[in-house]
Amino acid sequence: MGFTIRQVKSKAGDCKSTHRWARVRCDVTGDLFTYRIVGIGTKFVRLMHPGLGTIYREKPKNFTRVW
């Protein structure tokens, strides 16, 4: 399944003022991970790992759920 940037913006466009989360599938292993959305760009979505605090850039085509 995958999302587009437009779909992510419509569901989590207010990520600066409230917590929004995304379930992301890893390309290599196929495992699912949950990250907090901290920013939405034009090609990538910035995600933060909840336990470590590291920031990742991910393409929205790997998203399976946004809430």
N, C-alpha and C. Protein backbone atom coordinates (compact mmCIF):
# COMPACT_ATOMS: atom_id res chain seq x y z
N MET A 1 0.86 -1.17 0.00
CA MET A 1 0.00 0.00 0.00
C MET A 1 0.89 1.22 0.00
N GLY A 2 0.96 2.17 0.05
CA GLY A 2 1.84 3.30 0.13
C GLY A 2 1.04 4.57 0.08
N PHE A 3 1.65 5.59 0.51
CA PHE A 3 1.02 6.89 0.55
C PHE A 3 1.74 7.83 -0.41
N THR A 4 1.10 8.94 -0.71
CA THR A 4 1.74 10.04 -1.42
C THR A 4 1.94 11.18 -0.43
N ILE A 5 2.75 12.14 -0.81
CA ILE A 5 2.97 13.30 0.07
C ILE A 5 1.65 14.02 0.35
N ARG A 6 0.82 14.12 -0.64
CA ARG A 6 -0.48 14.80 -0.48
C ARG A 6 -1.35 14.08 0.56
N GLN A 7 -1.35 12.75 0.53
CA GLN A 7 -2.13 11.99 1.51
C GLN A 7 -1.57 12.15 2.92
N VAL A 8 -0.26 12.16 3.04
CA VAL A 8 0.36 12.34 4.36
C VAL A 8 0.05 13.73 4.89
N LYS A 9 0.12 14.75 4.04
CA LYS A 9 -0.18 16.12 4.48
C LYS A 9 -1.63 16.26 4.92
N SER A 10 -2.55 15.56 4.24
CA SER A 10 -3.95 15.68 4.62
C SER A 10 -4.24 15.00 5.95
N LYS A 11 -3.51 13.93 6.28
CA LYS A 11 -3.74 13.23 7.54
C LYS A 11 -2.90 13.78 8.68
N ALA A 12 -1.68 14.26 8.39
CA ALA A 12 -0.77 14.67 9.46
C ALA A 12 -0.18 16.05 9.22
N GLY A 13 -0.90 16.92 8.58
CA GLY A 13 -0.40 18.25 8.30
C GLY A 13 -0.18 19.09 9.54
N ASP A 14 -0.83 18.72 10.64
CA ASP A 14 -0.69 19.47 11.89
C ASP A 14 0.35 18.83 12.82
N CYS A 15 1.35 18.16 12.26
CA CYS A 15 2.34 17.44 13.06
C CYS A 15 3.21 18.36 13.91
N LYS A 16 3.27 19.65 13.59
CA LYS A 16 4.06 20.59 14.39
C LYS A 16 3.37 20.91 15.72
N SER A 17 2.04 20.84 15.75
CA SER A 17 1.31 21.22 16.96
C SER A 17 0.81 20.02 17.77
N THR A 18 0.78 18.84 17.19
CA THR A 18 0.32 17.64 17.89
C THR A 18 1.13 16.44 17.44
N HIS A 19 1.06 15.37 18.20
CA HIS A 19 1.82 14.16 17.85
C HIS A 19 1.10 13.38 16.76
N ARG A 20 1.79 13.11 15.68
CA ARG A 20 1.29 12.25 14.60
C ARG A 20 2.28 11.13 14.39
N TRP A 21 1.78 9.94 14.10
CA TRP A 21 2.61 8.75 14.01
C TRP A 21 2.44 8.09 12.65
N ALA A 22 3.44 7.31 12.26
CA ALA A 22 3.40 6.58 11.00
C ALA A 22 3.97 5.19 11.20
N ARG A 23 3.34 4.22 10.58
CA ARG A 23 3.85 2.85 10.53
C ARG A 23 4.56 2.69 9.20
N VAL A 24 5.85 2.32 9.23
CA VAL A 24 6.70 2.31 8.03
C VAL A 24 7.26 0.90 7.83
N ARG A 25 7.21 0.43 6.59
CA ARG A 25 7.78 -0.87 6.24
C ARG A 25 9.21 -0.68 5.75
N CYS A 26 10.13 -1.48 6.28
CA CYS A 26 11.54 -1.43 5.89
C CYS A 26 11.70 -2.09 4.53
N ASP A 27 12.45 -1.45 3.63
CA ASP A 27 12.68 -2.01 2.29
C ASP A 27 13.49 -3.30 2.33
N VAL A 28 14.46 -3.37 3.23
CA VAL A 28 15.40 -4.49 3.25
C VAL A 28 14.80 -5.72 3.92
N THR A 29 14.29 -5.56 5.14
CA THR A 29 13.82 -6.71 5.90
C THR A 29 12.31 -6.93 5.82
N GLY A 30 11.56 -5.90 5.49
CA GLY A 30 10.11 -6.00 5.43
C GLY A 30 9.43 -5.84 6.77
N ASP A 31 10.20 -5.52 7.82
CA ASP A 31 9.63 -5.33 9.16
C ASP A 31 8.89 -4.00 9.23
N LEU A 32 7.93 -3.91 10.15
CA LEU A 32 7.19 -2.68 10.37
C LEU A 32 7.73 -1.96 11.59
N PHE A 33 7.89 -0.64 11.47
CA PHE A 33 8.37 0.19 12.56
C PHE A 33 7.43 1.38 12.73
N THR A 34 7.33 1.90 13.94
CA THR A 34 6.48 3.05 14.23
C THR A 34 7.37 4.23 14.57
N TYR A 35 7.14 5.36 13.89
CA TYR A 35 7.90 6.58 14.10
C TYR A 35 6.96 7.76 14.29
N ARG A 36 7.46 8.79 14.95
CA ARG A 36 6.70 10.03 15.08
C ARG A 36 7.04 10.94 13.91
N ILE A 37 6.03 11.53 13.30
CA ILE A 37 6.24 12.46 12.18
C ILE A 37 6.59 13.82 12.75
N VAL A 38 7.74 14.37 12.32
CA VAL A 38 8.15 15.69 12.80
C VAL A 38 8.17 16.73 11.69
N GLY A 39 8.07 16.33 10.43
CA GLY A 39 8.05 17.29 9.34
C GLY A 39 7.68 16.61 8.03
N ILE A 40 7.02 17.38 7.17
CA ILE A 40 6.62 16.87 5.87
C ILE A 40 7.18 17.80 4.80
N GLY A 41 8.00 17.26 3.92
CA GLY A 41 8.61 18.04 2.85
C GLY A 41 7.91 17.81 1.53
N THR A 42 8.64 18.01 0.43
CA THR A 42 8.05 17.82 -0.88
C THR A 42 8.27 16.41 -1.43
N LYS A 43 9.34 15.74 -0.96
CA LYS A 43 9.61 14.37 -1.41
C LYS A 43 9.73 13.38 -0.26
N PHE A 44 10.16 13.86 0.90
CA PHE A 44 10.40 12.99 2.04
C PHE A 44 9.61 13.47 3.25
N VAL A 45 9.41 12.54 4.17
CA VAL A 45 8.80 12.85 5.46
C VAL A 45 9.86 12.63 6.53
N ARG A 46 10.01 13.58 7.43
CA ARG A 46 10.98 13.46 8.51
C ARG A 46 10.32 12.74 9.67
N LEU A 47 11.00 11.68 10.14
CA LEU A 47 10.47 10.84 11.20
C LEU A 47 11.47 10.78 12.35
N MET A 48 10.94 10.68 13.57
CA MET A 48 11.80 10.56 14.74
C MET A 48 11.53 9.23 15.42
N HIS A 49 12.59 8.51 15.75
CA HIS A 49 12.46 7.25 16.49
C HIS A 49 12.08 7.61 17.92
N PRO A 50 11.00 7.03 18.45
CA PRO A 50 10.52 7.47 19.76
C PRO A 50 11.46 7.17 20.92
N GLY A 51 12.25 6.13 20.87
CA GLY A 51 13.12 5.81 21.99
C GLY A 51 14.49 6.45 21.91
N LEU A 52 14.98 6.62 20.68
CA LEU A 52 16.34 7.11 20.50
C LEU A 52 16.41 8.61 20.21
N GLY A 53 15.39 9.15 19.57
CA GLY A 53 15.39 10.57 19.22
C GLY A 53 16.11 10.89 17.93
N THR A 54 16.53 9.88 17.18
CA THR A 54 17.21 10.12 15.91
C THR A 54 16.18 10.43 14.83
N ILE A 55 16.59 11.27 13.88
CA ILE A 55 15.71 11.71 12.80
C ILE A 55 16.04 10.93 11.53
N TYR A 56 14.99 10.46 10.84
CA TYR A 56 15.13 9.73 9.58
C TYR A 56 14.33 10.44 8.51
N ARG A 57 14.77 10.31 7.27
CA ARG A 57 13.98 10.76 6.12
C ARG A 57 13.47 9.53 5.41
N GLU A 58 12.19 9.50 5.12
CA GLU A 58 11.59 8.32 4.51
C GLU A 58 10.63 8.74 3.40
N LYS A 59 10.60 7.96 2.34
CA LYS A 59 9.64 8.20 1.27
C LYS A 59 8.27 7.71 1.71
N PRO A 60 7.21 8.45 1.38
CA PRO A 60 5.88 8.04 1.84
C PRO A 60 5.37 6.76 1.18
N LYS A 61 6.02 6.27 0.15
CA LYS A 61 5.57 5.02 -0.47
C LYS A 61 5.75 3.82 0.46
N ASN A 62 6.61 3.96 1.48
CA ASN A 62 6.84 2.88 2.44
C ASN A 62 5.89 2.93 3.63
N PHE A 63 5.01 3.92 3.70
CA PHE A 63 4.09 4.05 4.83
C PHE A 63 2.94 3.06 4.65
N THR A 64 2.54 2.46 5.74
CA THR A 64 1.37 1.59 5.71
C THR A 64 0.19 2.19 6.49
N ARG A 65 0.50 3.07 7.45
CA ARG A 65 -0.56 3.70 8.25
C ARG A 65 -0.08 5.03 8.80
N VAL A 66 -0.96 6.01 8.86
CA VAL A 66 -0.67 7.31 9.44
C VAL A 66 -1.82 7.65 10.37
N TRP A 67 -1.48 8.04 11.62
CA TRP A 67 -2.52 8.44 12.56
C TRP A 67 -2.05 9.52 13.49
